[in-house]
C-alpha cells in the first residue's frame, strides 16, 4: 500500500511559513504581521496550514494522524 502521507512542497514538511520562517513577523517592517502565513501573523505555512503535509485525501494533516 502506498504511503498515505506526503510532505508539503512549500515548507518541505516543517509547517513554517516561507516568508517569515515561522516568526509571524516581517523583518523589514517593524511591528507588521506576515501576510503570507495562515492565519496572518501565525507563522504557519499557508499551503498545509502548519501541519507539514497532506493525508491521502489531500487535506492538511500531521504524519502521526495516519
N, C-alpha and C. Protein backbone atom coordinates (compact mmCIF):
# COMPACT_ATOMS: atom_id res chain seq x y z
N UNK A 1 0.84 -1.19 0.00
CA UNK A 1 0.00 0.00 0.00
C UNK A 1 0.88 1.24 0.00
N UNK A 2 0.62 2.19 -0.88
CA UNK A 2 1.45 3.40 -0.91
C UNK A 2 1.25 4.24 0.35
N UNK A 3 2.26 5.03 0.66
CA UNK A 3 2.18 5.89 1.85
C UNK A 3 1.08 6.91 1.67
N UNK A 4 0.26 7.08 2.71
CA UNK A 4 -0.89 7.96 2.61
C UNK A 4 -0.58 9.38 3.09
N UNK A 5 0.68 9.67 3.33
CA UNK A 5 1.08 11.00 3.80
C UNK A 5 2.15 11.54 2.86
N UNK A 6 2.03 12.82 2.50
CA UNK A 6 3.09 13.43 1.69
C UNK A 6 3.44 14.80 2.27
N UNK A 7 4.71 15.13 2.20
CA UNK A 7 5.19 16.41 2.72
C UNK A 7 4.69 17.57 1.89
N UNK A 8 4.52 18.69 2.54
CA UNK A 8 4.13 19.93 1.86
C UNK A 8 5.30 20.41 1.00
N UNK A 9 5.03 20.75 -0.24
CA UNK A 9 6.10 21.19 -1.14
C UNK A 9 6.52 22.64 -0.86
N UNK A 10 5.68 23.41 -0.19
CA UNK A 10 6.01 24.80 0.11
C UNK A 10 6.98 24.91 1.28
N UNK A 11 6.69 24.22 2.38
CA UNK A 11 7.52 24.36 3.59
C UNK A 11 8.46 23.18 3.79
N UNK A 12 8.44 22.20 2.89
CA UNK A 12 9.28 21.00 2.96
C UNK A 12 9.02 20.18 4.22
N UNK A 13 7.77 20.24 4.72
CA UNK A 13 7.39 19.43 5.86
C UNK A 13 7.59 20.07 7.22
N UNK A 14 8.07 21.31 7.25
CA UNK A 14 8.32 21.96 8.54
C UNK A 14 7.07 22.57 9.14
N UNK A 15 6.12 22.98 8.30
CA UNK A 15 4.91 23.63 8.77
C UNK A 15 5.08 25.13 9.01
N UNK A 16 6.29 25.64 8.74
CA UNK A 16 6.57 27.06 8.95
C UNK A 16 6.41 27.85 7.66
N UNK A 17 5.95 29.09 7.80
CA UNK A 17 5.79 29.98 6.66
C UNK A 17 7.15 30.25 6.01
N UNK A 18 7.20 30.24 4.68
CA UNK A 18 8.46 30.50 3.97
C UNK A 18 8.87 31.96 4.03
N UNK A 19 7.91 32.86 4.10
CA UNK A 19 8.22 34.29 4.07
C UNK A 19 8.83 34.78 5.38
N UNK A 20 8.28 34.36 6.52
CA UNK A 20 8.76 34.86 7.82
C UNK A 20 9.52 33.78 8.60
N UNK A 21 9.65 32.59 8.05
CA UNK A 21 10.35 31.46 8.68
C UNK A 21 9.75 31.09 10.03
N UNK A 22 8.43 31.24 10.15
CA UNK A 22 7.72 30.82 11.35
C UNK A 22 7.62 31.85 12.45
N UNK A 23 8.18 33.03 12.24
CA UNK A 23 8.15 34.05 13.30
C UNK A 23 6.83 34.81 13.34
N UNK A 24 6.13 34.90 12.19
CA UNK A 24 4.89 35.65 12.12
C UNK A 24 5.09 37.14 11.91
N UNK A 25 6.33 37.57 11.83
CA UNK A 25 6.65 38.99 11.64
C UNK A 25 7.51 39.16 10.39
N UNK A 26 7.37 40.30 9.77
CA UNK A 26 8.20 40.62 8.61
C UNK A 26 9.40 41.42 9.08
N UNK A 27 10.59 41.00 8.69
CA UNK A 27 11.83 41.61 9.16
C UNK A 27 12.01 43.07 8.81
N UNK A 28 11.60 43.48 7.64
CA UNK A 28 11.84 44.85 7.20
C UNK A 28 10.75 45.82 7.64
N UNK A 29 9.62 45.30 8.09
CA UNK A 29 8.51 46.15 8.52
C UNK A 29 8.27 45.96 10.01
N UNK A 30 8.78 46.85 10.79
CA UNK A 30 8.73 46.73 12.24
C UNK A 30 7.28 46.66 12.75
N UNK A 31 6.97 45.64 13.51
CA UNK A 31 5.65 45.50 14.12
C UNK A 31 4.55 45.02 13.19
N UNK A 32 4.89 44.67 11.95
CA UNK A 32 3.87 44.23 10.99
C UNK A 32 3.79 42.70 10.99
N UNK A 33 2.57 42.18 10.96
CA UNK A 33 2.36 40.74 10.88
C UNK A 33 2.58 40.27 9.45
N UNK A 34 3.10 39.07 9.31
CA UNK A 34 3.33 38.49 7.98
C UNK A 34 1.99 38.18 7.32
N UNK A 35 1.82 38.60 6.10
CA UNK A 35 0.58 38.36 5.35
C UNK A 35 0.63 37.06 4.56
N UNK A 36 1.77 36.36 4.58
CA UNK A 36 1.89 35.11 3.85
C UNK A 36 1.51 33.90 4.69
N UNK A 37 1.40 34.06 5.99
CA UNK A 37 1.02 32.97 6.90
C UNK A 37 -0.48 32.72 6.83
N UNK A 38 -0.89 31.57 7.37
CA UNK A 38 -2.31 31.31 7.54
C UNK A 38 -2.56 30.81 8.95
N UNK A 39 -3.34 31.50 9.76
CA UNK A 39 -3.84 32.85 9.56
C UNK A 39 -2.71 33.87 9.63
N UNK A 40 -2.93 35.05 9.11
CA UNK A 40 -1.88 36.07 9.03
C UNK A 40 -1.20 36.29 10.38
N UNK A 41 0.13 36.27 10.35
CA UNK A 41 0.92 36.51 11.55
C UNK A 41 1.10 35.31 12.46
N UNK A 42 0.62 34.14 12.05
CA UNK A 42 0.72 32.95 12.91
C UNK A 42 2.05 32.22 12.76
N UNK A 43 2.72 32.37 11.62
CA UNK A 43 3.96 31.64 11.36
C UNK A 43 3.72 30.29 10.70
N UNK A 44 2.46 29.92 10.46
CA UNK A 44 2.12 28.65 9.84
C UNK A 44 2.15 28.75 8.32
N UNK A 45 2.58 27.68 7.69
CA UNK A 45 2.58 27.60 6.23
C UNK A 45 1.14 27.73 5.72
N UNK A 46 0.93 28.58 4.72
CA UNK A 46 -0.40 28.80 4.18
C UNK A 46 -0.88 27.61 3.34
N UNK A 47 0.03 26.81 2.81
CA UNK A 47 -0.34 25.69 1.96
C UNK A 47 -0.87 24.52 2.78
N UNK A 48 -0.16 24.12 3.83
CA UNK A 48 -0.56 22.96 4.64
C UNK A 48 -1.17 23.36 5.97
N UNK A 49 -1.35 24.66 6.20
CA UNK A 49 -1.93 25.19 7.44
C UNK A 49 -1.09 24.86 8.67
N UNK A 50 0.21 24.69 8.45
CA UNK A 50 1.13 24.47 9.57
C UNK A 50 1.30 23.02 10.00
N UNK A 51 0.69 22.09 9.28
CA UNK A 51 0.80 20.68 9.67
C UNK A 51 2.02 20.00 9.07
N UNK A 52 2.54 20.51 7.99
CA UNK A 52 3.73 19.93 7.36
C UNK A 52 3.44 18.97 6.23
N UNK A 53 2.19 18.61 6.02
CA UNK A 53 1.90 17.68 4.94
C UNK A 53 0.42 17.45 4.73
N UNK A 54 0.13 16.44 3.90
CA UNK A 54 -1.24 16.14 3.50
C UNK A 54 -1.52 14.66 3.63
N UNK A 55 -2.77 14.30 3.95
CA UNK A 55 -3.15 12.90 4.03
C UNK A 55 -3.54 12.38 2.64
N UNK A 56 -4.04 11.18 2.57
CA UNK A 56 -4.37 10.56 1.29
C UNK A 56 -5.46 11.30 0.53
N UNK A 57 -6.32 12.02 1.24
CA UNK A 57 -7.40 12.74 0.58
C UNK A 57 -6.99 14.15 0.16
N UNK A 58 -5.76 14.56 0.49
CA UNK A 58 -5.27 15.88 0.10
C UNK A 58 -5.55 16.96 1.12
N UNK A 59 -6.03 16.57 2.29
CA UNK A 59 -6.29 17.55 3.35
C UNK A 59 -5.06 17.70 4.23
N UNK A 60 -4.80 18.91 4.75
CA UNK A 60 -3.66 19.10 5.64
C UNK A 60 -3.74 18.15 6.84
N UNK A 61 -2.63 17.47 7.14
CA UNK A 61 -2.60 16.52 8.24
C UNK A 61 -1.17 16.28 8.71
N UNK A 62 -1.02 15.97 9.98
CA UNK A 62 0.28 15.59 10.54
C UNK A 62 0.57 14.13 10.17
N UNK A 63 1.83 13.79 10.12
CA UNK A 63 2.20 12.42 9.79
C UNK A 63 1.66 11.44 10.83
N UNK A 64 1.57 11.87 12.08
CA UNK A 64 1.08 10.99 13.14
C UNK A 64 -0.42 10.75 13.06
N UNK A 65 -1.14 11.51 12.21
CA UNK A 65 -2.58 11.37 12.08
C UNK A 65 -3.00 10.24 11.14
N UNK A 66 -2.05 9.46 10.63
CA UNK A 66 -2.37 8.43 9.65
C UNK A 66 -3.33 7.40 10.21
